[in-house]
Amino acid sequence: MNIEVRRDWMNKLLNRRELDLIISYESGTPTRDEVRKLIAEKYGVEIERVIVEKLESMFGTLKAKAHIHIYDTVEDAKRIERKHILRRHGLLEEVKKTG
């Protein structure tokens, strides 16, 4: 996978770095977990602090657009991100309803 950074800025109000990327790949759109791992390695942060907000394939190419948040702490991510996004990343426990 190859990453092209389109936009990189620090959102101090929300304690996160925001990235807009174009990801080139060989075959098959990469999973959110693969992208999280790649970003964590590239930016030297824990994978738990990396949130893939959006990942969509670009029609007819082997590229995808991605919007990524890298939080200062995991607690900031849990406080700010929407619950369904946290569930996708395994950062929010599912609450089972009983009978």
N, C-alpha and C. Protein backbone atom coordinates (compact mmCIF):
# COMPACT_ATOMS: atom_id res chain seq x y z
N MET A 1 0.83 -1.19 0.00
CA MET A 1 0.00 0.00 0.00
C MET A 1 0.87 1.24 0.00
N ASN A 2 0.41 2.22 -0.72
CA ASN A 2 1.10 3.51 -0.78
C ASN A 2 0.12 4.59 -0.34
N ILE A 3 0.62 5.56 0.44
CA ILE A 3 -0.23 6.62 0.97
C ILE A 3 0.20 7.97 0.42
N GLU A 4 -0.78 8.73 -0.06
CA GLU A 4 -0.55 10.11 -0.48
C GLU A 4 -1.37 11.00 0.44
N VAL A 5 -0.70 11.86 1.18
CA VAL A 5 -1.39 12.75 2.12
C VAL A 5 -1.89 13.97 1.36
N ARG A 6 -3.20 14.16 1.35
CA ARG A 6 -3.81 15.31 0.69
C ARG A 6 -3.95 16.50 1.63
N ARG A 7 -4.25 16.20 2.89
CA ARG A 7 -4.42 17.26 3.88
C ARG A 7 -4.06 16.70 5.25
N ASP A 8 -3.32 17.47 6.02
CA ASP A 8 -2.87 17.05 7.35
C ASP A 8 -2.95 18.28 8.25
N TRP A 9 -3.83 18.25 9.22
CA TRP A 9 -3.94 19.40 10.11
C TRP A 9 -4.27 18.96 11.52
N MET A 10 -3.91 19.82 12.48
CA MET A 10 -4.14 19.56 13.89
C MET A 10 -5.39 20.30 14.32
N ASN A 11 -6.35 19.56 14.87
CA ASN A 11 -7.57 20.14 15.40
C ASN A 11 -7.39 20.21 16.92
N LYS A 12 -6.90 21.34 17.40
CA LYS A 12 -6.58 21.48 18.82
C LYS A 12 -7.81 21.43 19.71
N LEU A 13 -8.94 21.89 19.19
CA LEU A 13 -10.17 21.88 19.96
C LEU A 13 -10.60 20.46 20.32
N LEU A 14 -10.40 19.52 19.39
CA LEU A 14 -10.81 18.13 19.62
C LEU A 14 -9.64 17.20 19.94
N ASN A 15 -8.46 17.77 20.16
CA ASN A 15 -7.27 16.98 20.54
C ASN A 15 -6.98 15.86 19.55
N ARG A 16 -7.00 16.19 18.26
CA ARG A 16 -6.71 15.17 17.27
C ARG A 16 -6.04 15.77 16.03
N ARG A 17 -5.34 14.89 15.33
CA ARG A 17 -4.77 15.22 14.03
C ARG A 17 -5.73 14.63 13.00
N GLU A 18 -6.03 15.38 11.95
CA GLU A 18 -6.96 14.92 10.93
C GLU A 18 -6.22 14.81 9.60
N LEU A 19 -6.41 13.68 8.93
CA LEU A 19 -5.73 13.40 7.67
C LEU A 19 -6.73 13.06 6.58
N ASP A 20 -6.54 13.62 5.41
CA ASP A 20 -7.24 13.18 4.21
C ASP A 20 -6.18 12.52 3.33
N LEU A 21 -6.43 11.26 2.95
CA LEU A 21 -5.43 10.46 2.25
C LEU A 21 -6.00 9.85 0.97
N ILE A 22 -5.11 9.54 0.05
CA ILE A 22 -5.40 8.67 -1.08
C ILE A 22 -4.51 7.45 -0.88
N ILE A 23 -5.13 6.29 -0.79
CA ILE A 23 -4.40 5.04 -0.56
C ILE A 23 -4.42 4.24 -1.86
N SER A 24 -3.24 3.90 -2.36
CA SER A 24 -3.11 3.04 -3.55
C SER A 24 -2.80 1.63 -3.06
N TYR A 25 -3.41 0.64 -3.72
CA TYR A 25 -3.21 -0.75 -3.30
C TYR A 25 -3.15 -1.66 -4.51
N GLU A 26 -2.66 -2.87 -4.30
CA GLU A 26 -2.45 -3.82 -5.38
C GLU A 26 -3.74 -4.54 -5.78
N SER A 27 -4.46 -5.05 -4.80
CA SER A 27 -5.70 -5.78 -5.10
C SER A 27 -6.62 -5.73 -3.89
N GLY A 28 -7.88 -5.52 -4.11
CA GLY A 28 -8.84 -5.49 -3.01
C GLY A 28 -8.65 -4.31 -2.08
N THR A 29 -9.72 -3.57 -1.85
CA THR A 29 -9.66 -2.43 -0.94
C THR A 29 -9.19 -2.90 0.44
N PRO A 30 -8.23 -2.21 1.03
CA PRO A 30 -7.74 -2.62 2.35
C PRO A 30 -8.84 -2.46 3.42
N THR A 31 -8.75 -3.27 4.46
CA THR A 31 -9.72 -3.18 5.55
C THR A 31 -9.38 -2.00 6.45
N ARG A 32 -10.33 -1.61 7.28
CA ARG A 32 -10.08 -0.54 8.25
C ARG A 32 -8.90 -0.90 9.16
N ASP A 33 -8.83 -2.16 9.58
CA ASP A 33 -7.74 -2.57 10.46
C ASP A 33 -6.38 -2.47 9.78
N GLU A 34 -6.31 -2.83 8.50
CA GLU A 34 -5.05 -2.70 7.76
C GLU A 34 -4.63 -1.24 7.64
N VAL A 35 -5.59 -0.37 7.38
CA VAL A 35 -5.29 1.06 7.27
C VAL A 35 -4.86 1.61 8.63
N ARG A 36 -5.56 1.23 9.70
CA ARG A 36 -5.19 1.68 11.05
C ARG A 36 -3.76 1.28 11.39
N LYS A 37 -3.41 0.03 11.08
CA LYS A 37 -2.07 -0.47 11.38
C LYS A 37 -1.01 0.32 10.60
N LEU A 38 -1.27 0.56 9.32
CA LEU A 38 -0.34 1.30 8.47
C LEU A 38 -0.14 2.73 8.99
N ILE A 39 -1.23 3.40 9.34
CA ILE A 39 -1.15 4.78 9.84
C ILE A 39 -0.43 4.82 11.19
N ALA A 40 -0.74 3.87 12.07
CA ALA A 40 -0.10 3.82 13.38
C ALA A 40 1.42 3.67 13.23
N GLU A 41 1.85 2.81 12.31
CA GLU A 41 3.29 2.61 12.08
C GLU A 41 3.92 3.86 11.47
N LYS A 42 3.25 4.45 10.49
CA LYS A 42 3.79 5.62 9.80
C LYS A 42 3.96 6.82 10.73
N TYR A 43 2.98 7.03 11.62
CA TYR A 43 3.00 8.20 12.50
C TYR A 43 3.50 7.90 13.91
N GLY A 44 3.87 6.65 14.18
CA GLY A 44 4.44 6.27 15.46
C GLY A 44 3.51 6.43 16.64
N VAL A 45 2.25 6.01 16.47
CA VAL A 45 1.26 6.10 17.55
C VAL A 45 0.66 4.72 17.80
N GLU A 46 -0.03 4.59 18.94
CA GLU A 46 -0.71 3.34 19.25
C GLU A 46 -1.91 3.19 18.32
N ILE A 47 -2.19 1.97 17.90
CA ILE A 47 -3.28 1.72 16.96
C ILE A 47 -4.64 2.12 17.54
N GLU A 48 -4.80 2.08 18.86
CA GLU A 48 -6.06 2.44 19.51
C GLU A 48 -6.40 3.91 19.33
N ARG A 49 -5.40 4.74 19.06
CA ARG A 49 -5.63 6.19 18.89
C ARG A 49 -5.99 6.56 17.46
N VAL A 50 -5.91 5.60 16.53
CA VAL A 50 -6.19 5.85 15.11
C VAL A 50 -7.62 5.43 14.79
N ILE A 51 -8.40 6.37 14.26
CA ILE A 51 -9.79 6.11 13.88
C ILE A 51 -9.94 6.36 12.38
N VAL A 52 -10.42 5.34 11.66
CA VAL A 52 -10.70 5.50 10.23
C VAL A 52 -12.14 5.98 10.14
N GLU A 53 -12.31 7.27 9.97
CA GLU A 53 -13.64 7.88 9.91
C GLU A 53 -14.37 7.47 8.63
N LYS A 54 -13.65 7.48 7.51
CA LYS A 54 -14.27 7.17 6.23
C LYS A 54 -13.24 6.48 5.34
N LEU A 55 -13.67 5.45 4.62
CA LEU A 55 -12.81 4.74 3.69
C LEU A 55 -13.69 4.32 2.51
N GLU A 56 -13.45 4.93 1.35
CA GLU A 56 -14.26 4.60 0.19
C GLU A 56 -13.40 4.42 -1.06
N SER A 57 -13.71 3.36 -1.80
CA SER A 57 -12.99 3.07 -3.04
C SER A 57 -13.32 4.12 -4.08
N MET A 58 -12.33 4.40 -4.92
CA MET A 58 -12.53 5.30 -6.05
C MET A 58 -12.84 4.42 -7.26
N PHE A 59 -13.99 4.63 -7.88
CA PHE A 59 -14.48 3.79 -8.96
C PHE A 59 -13.46 3.67 -10.10
N GLY A 60 -13.21 2.43 -10.51
CA GLY A 60 -12.37 2.18 -11.68
C GLY A 60 -10.88 2.28 -11.43
N THR A 61 -10.46 2.41 -10.18
CA THR A 61 -9.03 2.52 -9.88
C THR A 61 -8.69 1.59 -8.71
N LEU A 62 -7.43 1.42 -8.47
CA LEU A 62 -6.97 0.69 -7.28
C LEU A 62 -6.55 1.70 -6.22
N LYS A 63 -7.47 2.62 -5.93
CA LYS A 63 -7.23 3.67 -4.95
C LYS A 63 -8.46 3.85 -4.08
N ALA A 64 -8.25 4.37 -2.88
CA ALA A 64 -9.35 4.67 -1.98
C ALA A 64 -9.08 6.00 -1.29
N LYS A 65 -10.15 6.74 -1.01
CA LYS A 65 -10.05 7.97 -0.22
C LYS A 65 -10.28 7.59 1.23
N ALA A 66 -9.53 8.22 2.11
CA ALA A 66 -9.69 7.95 3.54
C ALA A 66 -9.63 9.25 4.33
N HIS A 67 -10.46 9.30 5.37
CA HIS A 67 -10.41 10.41 6.34
C HIS A 67 -10.09 9.77 7.68
N ILE A 68 -8.96 10.17 8.27
CA ILE A 68 -8.43 9.54 9.47
C ILE A 68 -8.32 10.56 10.60
N HIS A 69 -8.62 10.10 11.83
CA HIS A 69 -8.39 10.91 13.03
C HIS A 69 -7.34 10.20 13.88
N ILE A 70 -6.33 10.94 14.32
CA ILE A 70 -5.34 10.40 15.27
C ILE A 70 -5.47 11.23 16.54
N TYR A 71 -6.00 10.61 17.58
CA TYR A 71 -6.26 11.32 18.83
C TYR A 71 -5.03 11.37 19.72
N ASP A 72 -4.98 12.39 20.59
CA ASP A 72 -3.89 12.51 21.56
C ASP A 72 -3.94 11.36 22.56
N THR A 73 -5.15 10.94 22.96
CA THR A 73 -5.33 9.82 23.89
C THR A 73 -6.53 8.98 23.45
N VAL A 74 -6.58 7.75 23.91
CA VAL A 74 -7.72 6.87 23.63
C VAL A 74 -8.98 7.44 24.29
N GLU A 75 -8.82 8.04 25.46
CA GLU A 75 -9.95 8.63 26.18
C GLU A 75 -10.59 9.76 25.36
N ASP A 76 -9.77 10.56 24.69
CA ASP A 76 -10.30 11.61 23.83
C ASP A 76 -11.14 11.00 22.70
N ALA A 77 -10.65 9.92 22.12
CA ALA A 77 -11.38 9.26 21.04
C ALA A 77 -12.72 8.75 21.54
N LYS A 78 -12.73 8.12 22.70
CA LYS A 78 -13.97 7.57 23.26
C LYS A 78 -14.95 8.68 23.63
N ARG A 79 -14.45 9.81 24.01
CA ARG A 79 -15.31 10.93 24.41
C ARG A 79 -15.93 11.63 23.20
N ILE A 80 -15.19 11.69 22.08
CA ILE A 80 -15.59 12.52 20.95
C ILE A 80 -16.25 11.75 19.81
N GLU A 81 -15.71 10.59 19.46
CA GLU A 81 -16.21 9.85 18.29
C GLU A 81 -17.62 9.30 18.52
N ARG A 82 -18.34 9.13 17.41
CA ARG A 82 -19.68 8.55 17.47
C ARG A 82 -19.59 7.08 17.86
N LYS A 83 -20.62 6.59 18.54
CA LYS A 83 -20.59 5.24 19.10
C LYS A 83 -20.44 4.15 18.04
N HIS A 84 -21.10 4.29 16.91
CA HIS A 84 -21.00 3.24 15.90
C HIS A 84 -19.59 3.17 15.31
N ILE A 85 -18.89 4.29 15.25
CA ILE A 85 -17.50 4.30 14.78
C ILE A 85 -16.61 3.60 15.81
N LEU A 86 -16.82 3.88 17.08
CA LEU A 86 -16.04 3.22 18.14
C LEU A 86 -16.27 1.71 18.13
N ARG A 87 -17.50 1.27 17.89
CA ARG A 87 -17.79 -0.17 17.82
C ARG A 87 -17.02 -0.82 16.67
N ARG A 88 -16.97 -0.14 15.52
CA ARG A 88 -16.24 -0.68 14.36
C ARG A 88 -14.77 -0.89 14.66
N HIS A 89 -14.23 -0.08 15.55
CA HIS A 89 -12.81 -0.14 15.88
C HIS A 89 -12.55 -0.93 17.15
N GLY A 90 -13.58 -1.52 17.74
CA GLY A 90 -13.42 -2.35 18.93
C GLY A 90 -13.11 -1.55 20.18
N LEU A 91 -13.49 -0.28 20.21
CA LEU A 91 -13.20 0.57 21.37
C LEU A 91 -14.41 0.77 22.26
N LEU A 92 -15.55 0.17 21.91
CA LEU A 92 -16.76 0.32 22.70
C LEU A 92 -17.39 -1.05 22.86
N GLU A 93 -17.64 -1.41 24.09
CA GLU A 93 -18.25 -2.71 24.39
C GLU A 93 -19.72 -2.69 24.01
N GLU A 94 -20.20 -3.77 23.44
CA GLU A 94 -21.61 -3.90 23.13
C GLU A 94 -22.35 -4.22 24.45
N VAL A 95 -23.45 -3.53 24.66
CA VAL A 95 -24.27 -3.78 25.85
C VAL A 95 -25.40 -4.70 25.42
N LYS A 96 -25.44 -5.89 26.02
CA LYS A 96 -26.49 -6.86 25.66
C LYS A 96 -27.71 -6.60 26.54
N LYS A 97 -28.85 -6.53 25.87
CA LYS A 97 -30.10 -6.35 26.60
C LYS A 97 -30.66 -7.70 26.96
N THR A 98 -31.15 -7.80 28.19
CA THR A 98 -31.74 -9.06 28.62
C THR A 98 -33.24 -8.88 28.72
N GLY A 99 -33.92 -9.94 28.36
CA GLY A 99 -35.24 -10.05 28.30
C GLY A 99 -36.41 -9.41 28.50
